Protein backbone atom coordinates (compact mmCIF):
# COMPACT_ATOMS: atom_id res chain seq x y z
CA UNK A 1 -18.40 49.64 126.56
CA UNK A 2 -15.00 48.73 128.00
CA UNK A 3 -15.37 45.22 126.62
CA UNK A 4 -15.93 46.65 123.11
CA UNK A 5 -12.86 48.88 123.36
CA UNK A 6 -10.75 45.99 124.60
CA UNK A 7 -11.92 43.88 121.66
CA UNK A 8 -10.94 46.47 119.08
CA UNK A 9 -7.55 47.15 120.70
CA UNK A 10 -6.78 43.44 120.99
CA UNK A 11 -7.60 42.71 117.37
CA UNK A 12 -5.93 45.80 115.99
CA UNK A 13 -8.93 46.79 113.94
CA UNK A 14 -9.43 50.40 114.99
CA UNK A 15 -8.78 51.50 111.42
CA UNK A 16 -11.98 49.66 110.42
CA UNK A 17 -14.11 51.41 113.06
CA UNK A 18 -15.52 53.95 110.61
CA UNK A 19 -16.48 51.21 108.13
CA UNK A 20 -18.02 49.26 110.99
CA UNK A 21 -20.11 52.15 112.22
CA UNK A 22 -21.33 53.45 108.86
CA UNK A 23 -22.23 50.15 107.21
CA UNK A 24 -25.87 50.02 106.14
CA UNK A 25 -26.13 46.37 107.21
CA UNK A 26 -26.08 45.48 110.88
CA UNK A 27 -22.72 44.26 112.16
CA UNK A 28 -22.25 42.52 115.47
CA UNK A 29 -19.61 40.81 117.58
CA UNK A 30 -20.65 38.39 120.34
CA UNK A 31 -19.19 35.79 122.63
CA UNK A 32 -19.80 32.10 122.04
CA UNK A 33 -22.45 32.27 124.77
CA UNK A 34 -24.23 34.98 122.79
CA UNK A 35 -23.32 38.03 124.89
CA UNK A 36 -23.09 41.14 122.71
CA UNK A 37 -19.62 42.70 122.61
CA UNK A 38 -20.26 45.35 119.98
CA UNK A 39 -22.80 46.37 117.37
CA UNK A 40 -23.07 49.18 114.85
CA UNK A 41 -25.92 51.65 114.42
CA UNK A 42 -27.61 49.58 111.72
CA UNK A 43 -27.83 46.60 114.09
CA UNK A 44 -29.41 48.86 116.70
CA UNK A 45 -31.96 50.05 114.13
CA UNK A 46 -32.81 46.48 113.15
CA UNK A 47 -33.32 45.32 116.74
CA UNK A 48 -35.00 48.49 117.96
CA UNK A 49 -32.47 49.58 120.58
CA UNK A 50 -31.49 53.23 120.96
CA UNK A 51 -27.89 52.93 122.09
CA UNK A 52 -25.00 50.53 122.31
CA UNK A 53 -25.07 50.87 126.10
CA UNK A 54 -28.63 49.59 126.12
CA UNK A 55 -27.83 46.68 123.82
CA UNK A 56 -24.33 45.76 124.95
CA UNK A 57 -24.14 42.88 127.37
CA UNK A 58 -27.51 41.41 126.29
CA UNK A 59 -27.63 37.78 125.26
CA UNK A 60 -28.57 37.22 121.62
CA UNK A 61 -30.40 34.02 122.54
CA UNK A 62 -33.34 36.07 123.79
CA UNK A 63 -33.76 37.64 120.35
CA UNK A 64 -34.34 34.38 118.48
CA UNK A 65 -38.06 33.73 117.90
CA UNK A 66 -37.25 30.04 117.50
CA UNK A 67 -34.46 28.88 119.88
CA UNK A 68 -33.71 26.01 117.48
CA UNK A 69 -32.42 28.58 114.97
CA UNK A 70 -29.71 29.58 117.43
CA UNK A 71 -28.68 25.94 117.86
CA UNK A 72 -28.60 25.36 114.10
CA UNK A 73 -26.54 28.55 113.69
CA UNK A 74 -23.94 27.31 116.17
CA UNK A 75 -23.80 23.83 114.64
CA UNK A 76 -23.24 25.26 111.15
CA UNK A 77 -20.42 27.56 112.28
CA UNK A 78 -18.82 24.77 114.28
CA UNK A 79 -18.94 22.49 111.23
CA UNK A 80 -17.94 24.96 108.49
CA UNK A 81 -16.51 27.92 110.34
CA UNK A 82 -19.14 30.26 108.89
CA UNK A 83 -22.78 30.65 107.81
CA UNK A 84 -24.01 32.56 104.80
CA UNK A 85 -27.52 34.00 104.32
CA UNK A 86 -28.74 32.06 107.32
CA UNK A 87 -32.42 33.03 107.60
CA UNK A 88 -33.80 33.66 111.08
CA UNK A 89 -36.62 35.51 112.77
CA UNK A 90 -35.45 37.89 115.48
CA UNK A 91 -37.51 39.60 118.12
CA UNK A 92 -37.03 43.35 118.44
CA UNK A 93 -37.00 45.24 121.72
CA UNK A 94 -40.71 46.07 121.37
CA UNK A 95 -41.58 42.42 120.74
CA UNK A 96 -42.24 42.71 117.00
CA UNK A 97 -40.61 40.22 114.66
CA UNK A 98 -38.04 41.02 111.99
CA UNK A 99 -36.79 38.63 109.30
CA UNK A 100 -33.01 38.63 108.87
CA UNK A 101 -30.21 36.95 106.98
CA UNK A 102 -27.09 36.26 109.02
CA UNK A 103 -23.70 35.97 107.37
CA UNK A 104 -21.27 35.19 110.18
CA UNK A 105 -17.93 33.60 110.89
CA UNK A 106 -16.21 32.10 113.88
CA UNK A 107 -14.11 34.35 116.08
CA UNK A 108 -11.13 32.44 117.42
CA UNK A 109 -8.41 33.06 119.98
CA UNK A 110 -4.67 32.92 119.32
CA UNK A 111 -4.69 29.23 120.17
CA UNK A 112 -7.46 28.63 117.58
CA UNK A 113 -10.17 28.22 120.18
CA UNK A 114 -13.69 29.35 119.28
CA UNK A 115 -14.51 32.35 121.48
CA UNK A 116 -17.34 34.07 119.63
CA UNK A 117 -19.00 35.14 116.42
CA UNK A 118 -18.81 38.15 114.16
CA UNK A 119 -20.99 38.90 111.22
CA UNK A 120 -23.57 40.86 109.30
CA UNK A 121 -27.32 41.10 109.93
CA UNK A 122 -29.42 42.02 106.93
CA UNK A 123 -33.06 42.99 107.44
CA UNK A 124 -35.22 41.27 104.80
CA UNK A 125 -38.60 41.91 106.44
CA UNK A 126 -39.89 44.08 103.58
CA UNK A 127 -38.76 41.46 101.08
CA UNK A 128 -40.52 38.69 103.07
CA UNK A 129 -43.71 40.75 103.25
CA UNK A 130 -43.53 41.40 99.50
CA UNK A 131 -42.92 37.70 98.92
CA UNK A 132 -45.93 36.78 101.09
CA UNK A 133 -48.09 39.33 99.26
CA UNK A 134 -46.90 37.92 95.94
CA UNK A 135 -47.82 34.38 97.03
CA UNK A 136 -51.19 35.65 98.21
CA UNK A 137 -51.75 37.44 94.89
CA UNK A 138 -50.72 34.32 92.99
CA UNK A 139 -53.10 32.22 95.07
CA UNK A 140 -55.92 34.69 94.47
CA UNK A 141 -55.10 34.73 90.76
CA UNK A 142 -55.30 30.93 90.60
CA UNK A 143 -58.61 30.99 92.47
CA UNK A 144 -59.91 33.67 90.10
CA UNK A 145 -58.84 31.56 87.11
CA UNK A 146 -60.62 28.53 88.58
CA UNK A 147 -63.77 30.58 89.18
CA UNK A 148 -63.55 31.97 85.64
CA UNK A 149 -63.09 28.47 84.23
CA UNK A 150 -66.04 27.22 86.27
CA UNK A 151 -68.17 30.14 85.07
CA UNK A 152 -67.14 29.43 81.49
CA UNK A 153 -68.15 25.77 81.86
CA UNK A 154 -71.48 26.85 83.36
CA UNK A 155 -72.05 29.21 80.43
CA UNK A 156 -71.25 26.41 77.99
CA UNK A 157 -73.73 24.11 79.75
CA UNK A 158 -76.32 26.88 79.73
CA UNK A 159 -75.74 27.50 76.03
CA UNK A 160 -76.16 23.77 75.30
CA UNK A 161 -79.29 23.69 77.44
CA UNK A 162 -80.76 26.71 75.64
CA UNK A 163 -79.97 25.13 72.30
CA UNK A 164 -81.72 21.92 73.36
CA UNK A 165 -84.71 23.91 74.60
CA UNK A 166 -84.81 25.78 71.30
CA UNK A 167 -84.71 22.53 69.33
CA UNK A 168 -87.42 20.94 71.48
CA UNK A 169 -89.57 24.04 71.09
CA UNK A 170 -89.11 23.93 67.32
CA UNK A 171 -90.15 20.28 67.30
CA UNK A 172 -93.24 21.07 69.40
CA UNK A 173 -94.26 23.94 67.11
CA UNK A 174 -93.76 21.70 64.07
CA UNK A 175 -95.99 19.00 65.65
CA UNK A 176 -98.65 21.59 66.50
CA UNK A 177 -98.62 22.96 62.96
CA UNK A 178 -98.81 19.46 61.48
CA UNK A 179 -101.33 17.96 63.89
CA UNK A 180 -103.65 20.97 64.23
CA UNK A 181 -103.39 23.35 61.34
CA UNK A 182 -102.24 20.75 58.82
CA UNK A 183 -105.30 18.51 59.25
CA UNK A 184 -107.77 21.41 59.37
CA UNK A 185 -106.30 23.05 56.29
CA UNK A 186 -106.35 19.71 54.44
CA UNK A 187 -110.05 19.26 55.15
CA UNK A 188 -110.71 22.88 54.22
CA UNK A 189 -108.84 22.41 50.95
CA UNK A 190 -110.95 19.34 50.11
CA UNK A 191 -114.18 21.22 50.88
CA UNK A 192 -113.14 24.20 48.76
CA UNK A 193 -112.14 21.87 45.91
CA UNK A 194 -115.53 20.12 45.98
CA UNK A 195 -117.33 23.46 46.18
CA UNK A 196 -115.36 24.72 43.21
CA UNK A 197 -116.37 21.69 41.12
CA UNK A 198 -119.98 22.12 42.13
CA UNK A 199 -119.93 25.81 41.22
CA UNK A 200 -118.74 24.85 37.75
CA UNK A 201 -122.01 22.89 37.41
CA UNK A 202 -124.75 25.13 38.91
CA UNK A 203 -127.43 22.62 38.04
CA UNK A 204 -126.15 20.48 40.91
CA UNK A 205 -127.50 23.09 43.39
CA UNK A 206 -131.01 23.25 42.01
CA UNK A 207 -133.28 22.35 44.87
CA UNK A 208 -130.31 21.53 47.08
CA UNK A 209 -129.54 24.83 48.80
CA UNK A 210 -129.25 23.06 52.17
CA UNK A 211 -126.30 21.01 50.94
CA UNK A 212 -124.52 24.23 49.88
CA UNK A 213 -125.30 25.84 53.22
CA UNK A 214 -123.99 22.86 55.13
CA UNK A 215 -120.81 22.83 53.08
CA UNK A 216 -120.10 26.54 53.64
CA UNK A 217 -120.98 26.13 57.34
CA UNK A 218 -118.38 23.32 57.59
CA UNK A 219 -115.82 25.49 55.88
CA UNK A 220 -116.49 28.36 58.29
CA UNK A 221 -116.16 25.99 61.22
CA UNK A 222 -112.81 24.81 59.89
CA UNK A 223 -111.69 28.41 59.47
CA UNK A 224 -112.70 29.16 63.08
CA UNK A 225 -110.76 26.09 64.24
CA UNK A 226 -107.78 27.29 62.21
CA UNK A 227 -107.89 30.73 63.82
CA UNK A 228 -108.11 29.17 67.29
CA UNK A 229 -105.12 26.97 66.56
CA UNK A 230 -103.15 29.97 65.31
CA UNK A 231 -104.03 31.92 68.47
CA UNK A 232 -103.13 28.96 70.67
CA UNK A 233 -99.75 28.42 68.99
CA UNK A 234 -99.01 32.15 69.10
CA UNK A 235 -99.94 32.27 72.79
CA UNK A 236 -97.68 29.34 73.54
CA UNK A 237 -94.80 31.08 71.78
CA UNK A 238 -95.32 34.39 73.65
CA UNK A 239 -98.59 35.08 75.43
CA UNK A 240 -99.96 38.58 74.82
CA UNK A 241 -100.72 38.79 78.53
CA UNK A 242 -96.97 38.66 79.21
CA UNK A 243 -96.51 42.05 77.54
CA UNK A 244 -99.77 43.51 78.83
CA UNK A 245 -99.72 42.44 82.49
CA UNK A 246 -96.30 40.92 83.27
CA UNK A 247 -94.74 37.57 84.15
CA UNK A 248 -96.82 36.48 87.17
CA UNK A 249 -100.26 36.92 85.53
CA UNK A 250 -98.89 35.20 82.40
CA UNK A 251 -97.78 32.18 84.46
CA UNK A 252 -101.16 32.04 86.23
CA UNK A 253 -102.96 32.22 82.88
CA UNK A 254 -100.83 29.41 81.42
CA UNK A 255 -101.42 27.27 84.53
CA UNK A 256 -105.21 27.75 84.22
CA UNK A 257 -105.07 27.05 80.50
CA UNK A 258 -103.07 23.86 81.10
CA UNK A 259 -105.45 22.75 83.86
CA UNK A 260 -108.43 23.40 81.61
CA UNK A 261 -106.97 21.41 78.73
CA UNK A 262 -105.84 18.41 80.81
């Protein structure tokens, strides 16, 4: 630590020693080659070293995760005389990585020659982790929004499809009612109308019971056909077997019915 003591005596800054040691940010002094002259306790905490004796004399170059950062740092100070909030990744004693902001200035000799650097090291690892988590959360949120939008579009398509199915089913029922029940009921109405006229003139049936029997037989046949049509349309809408035995038997029954009618 002789080098550290010599530095403080030479620069007449012993009165700032307490401020140096108690600062919550890391403070360092190094040569231009990167050899550590002095650090405070906060700098030791950031880099993972236990004592100044352990850290003093080490070369800062070894702590840069990316050696190019060290070169950029030197170029900036040479050009401007300082760097402010210079973001770097440093490697701690145990090998783990810490994100830091360096705010440093050139340390010059009496003849204005650059002899080293002095500055502050601020640990921003927690902030970087929080920032990464925030970006991850934002990315997940966007993905969730896209999935929600996709689901919404699928629901809209499904709703349109169900509406189309409903309309087609209504058209089919209307055709069945018109083509099956409508024609049968029309014939039945004609037969009943003729029978009514004949009943108003009983003399028309004298000796012609067979004609009356045939007419009522035709009407009964039309009624049977009407009942069959009603049962068929009802079964197509919702087969009774679906409630009694379940989906699979209902599908099998409909398949057999379709095969038998085709």
